[in-house]
C-alpha atoms as a PDB file:
ATOM      1  CA  UNK A   1      -3.542 -20.660  -8.972  1.00  0.00           C
ATOM      2  CA  UNK A   2      -3.829 -24.293  -7.866  1.00  0.00           C
ATOM      3  CA  UNK A   3      -0.076 -24.775  -8.210  1.00  0.00           C
ATOM      4  CA  UNK A   4       0.563 -21.680  -6.067  1.00  0.00           C
ATOM      5  CA  UNK A   5      -1.677 -23.089  -3.329  1.00  0.00           C
ATOM      6  CA  UNK A   6       0.121 -26.415  -3.248  1.00  0.00           C
ATOM      7  CA  UNK A   7       3.615 -24.882  -3.354  1.00  0.00           C
ATOM      8  CA  UNK A   8       3.103 -21.836  -1.135  1.00  0.00           C
ATOM      9  CA  UNK A   9       5.988 -22.631   1.239  1.00  0.00           C
ATOM     10  CA  UNK A  10       8.411 -22.985  -1.667  1.00  0.00           C
ATOM     11  CA  UNK A  11       7.139 -19.786  -3.274  1.00  0.00           C
ATOM     12  CA  UNK A  12       7.583 -17.875  -0.005  1.00  0.00           C
ATOM     13  CA  UNK A  13      11.195 -19.077   0.222  1.00  0.00           C
ATOM     14  CA  UNK A  14      11.833 -17.833  -3.317  1.00  0.00           C
ATOM     15  CA  UNK A  15      10.255 -14.481  -2.500  1.00  0.00           C
ATOM     16  CA  UNK A  16      12.377 -14.177   0.650  1.00  0.00           C
ATOM     17  CA  UNK A  17      15.417 -14.698  -1.594  1.00  0.00           C
ATOM     18  CA  UNK A  18      14.397 -11.633  -3.613  1.00  0.00           C
ATOM     19  CA  UNK A  19      12.275 -13.069  -6.392  1.00  0.00           C
ATOM     20  CA  UNK A  20       8.927 -11.539  -7.353  1.00  0.00           C
ATOM     21  CA  UNK A  21       6.277 -14.081  -8.345  1.00  0.00           C
ATOM     22  CA  UNK A  22       3.206 -13.426 -10.487  1.00  0.00           C
ATOM     23  CA  UNK A  23       0.259 -15.697  -9.726  1.00  0.00           C
ATOM     24  CA  UNK A  24      -2.085 -16.352 -12.622  1.00  0.00           C
ATOM     25  CA  UNK A  25      -5.533 -17.793 -13.027  1.00  0.00           C
ATOM     26  CA  UNK A  26      -5.130 -19.576 -16.333  1.00  0.00           C
ATOM     27  CA  UNK A  27      -3.230 -17.095 -18.488  1.00  0.00           C
ATOM     28  CA  UNK A  28      -4.514 -14.037 -16.616  1.00  0.00           C
ATOM     29  CA  UNK A  29      -2.196 -12.528 -13.958  1.00  0.00           C
ATOM     30  CA  UNK A  30      -4.203 -11.897 -10.773  1.00  0.00           C
ATOM     31  CA  UNK A  31      -1.668 -11.263  -7.987  1.00  0.00           C
ATOM     32  CA  UNK A  32       1.955 -10.556  -7.257  1.00  0.00           C
ATOM     33  CA  UNK A  33       3.788 -12.263  -4.402  1.00  0.00           C
ATOM     34  CA  UNK A  34       6.538 -10.016  -3.040  1.00  0.00           C
ATOM     35  CA  UNK A  35       8.579  -9.913   0.146  1.00  0.00           C
ATOM     36  CA  UNK A  36       7.350  -7.807   3.038  1.00  0.00           C
ATOM     37  CA  UNK A  37       9.926  -5.263   4.082  1.00  0.00           C
ATOM     38  CA  UNK A  38       8.996  -3.522   7.312  1.00  0.00           C
ATOM     39  CA  UNK A  39      10.138   0.068   7.257  1.00  0.00           C
ATOM     40  CA  UNK A  40      11.125   1.411  10.615  1.00  0.00           C
ATOM     41  CA  UNK A  41       9.231   4.569  11.501  1.00  0.00           C
ATOM     42  CA  UNK A  42      11.267   7.531  12.612  1.00  0.00           C
ATOM     43  CA  UNK A  43       9.299  10.267  14.417  1.00  0.00           C
ATOM     44  CA  UNK A  44       9.873  13.705  12.926  1.00  0.00           C
ATOM     45  CA  UNK A  45      11.413  12.389   9.732  1.00  0.00           C
ATOM     46  CA  UNK A  46       9.261  14.708   7.602  1.00  0.00           C
ATOM     47  CA  UNK A  47       9.742  17.767   9.824  1.00  0.00           C
ATOM     48  CA  UNK A  48      10.176  20.869   7.687  1.00  0.00           C
ATOM     49  CA  UNK A  49       8.985  19.125   4.524  1.00  0.00           C
ATOM     50  CA  UNK A  50       5.230  19.383   5.128  1.00  0.00           C
ATOM     51  CA  UNK A  51       3.334  22.633   5.548  1.00  0.00           C
ATOM     52  CA  UNK A  52      -0.299  23.298   6.398  1.00  0.00           C
ATOM     53  CA  UNK A  53      -1.981  26.224   4.696  1.00  0.00           C
ATOM     54  CA  UNK A  54      -3.200  29.147   6.780  1.00  0.00           C
ATOM     55  CA  UNK A  55      -6.774  28.465   5.620  1.00  0.00           C
ATOM     56  CA  UNK A  56      -6.704  24.778   6.611  1.00  0.00           C
ATOM     57  CA  UNK A  57      -9.431  25.151   9.263  1.00  0.00           C
ATOM     58  CA  UNK A  58     -11.659  27.375   7.098  1.00  0.00           C
ATOM     59  CA  UNK A  59     -14.682  25.461   5.837  1.00  0.00           C
ATOM     60  CA  UNK A  60     -15.733  26.661   2.372  1.00  0.00           C
ATOM     61  CA  UNK A  61     -19.305  27.960   2.294  1.00  0.00           C
ATOM     62  CA  UNK A  62     -20.491  25.456  -0.330  1.00  0.00           C
ATOM     63  CA  UNK A  63     -19.156  22.545   1.736  1.00  0.00           C
ATOM     64  CA  UNK A  64     -20.781  23.919   4.905  1.00  0.00           C
ATOM     65  CA  UNK A  65     -24.090  24.208   3.020  1.00  0.00           C
ATOM     66  CA  UNK A  66     -23.767  20.629   1.769  1.00  0.00           C
ATOM     67  CA  UNK A  67     -23.403  19.418   5.365  1.00  0.00           C
ATOM     68  CA  UNK A  68     -26.181  21.679   6.629  1.00  0.00           C
ATOM     69  CA  UNK A  69     -23.826  23.698   8.826  1.00  0.00           C
END
């Protein structure tokens, strides 16, 4: 952990080059350092692949009772 703190810039360069780095506290792995890859959002990309059931807006009676409705 201490070594990762002191060499963070170098570790980030290695991650940017495609390496995945496991950070350990002693012998115990506690975190993984990986590159951030922003995925561009495309509106409508899931069109036709997601459906909403006809009973979506129907609140089950037991749930309504639990909320005091």
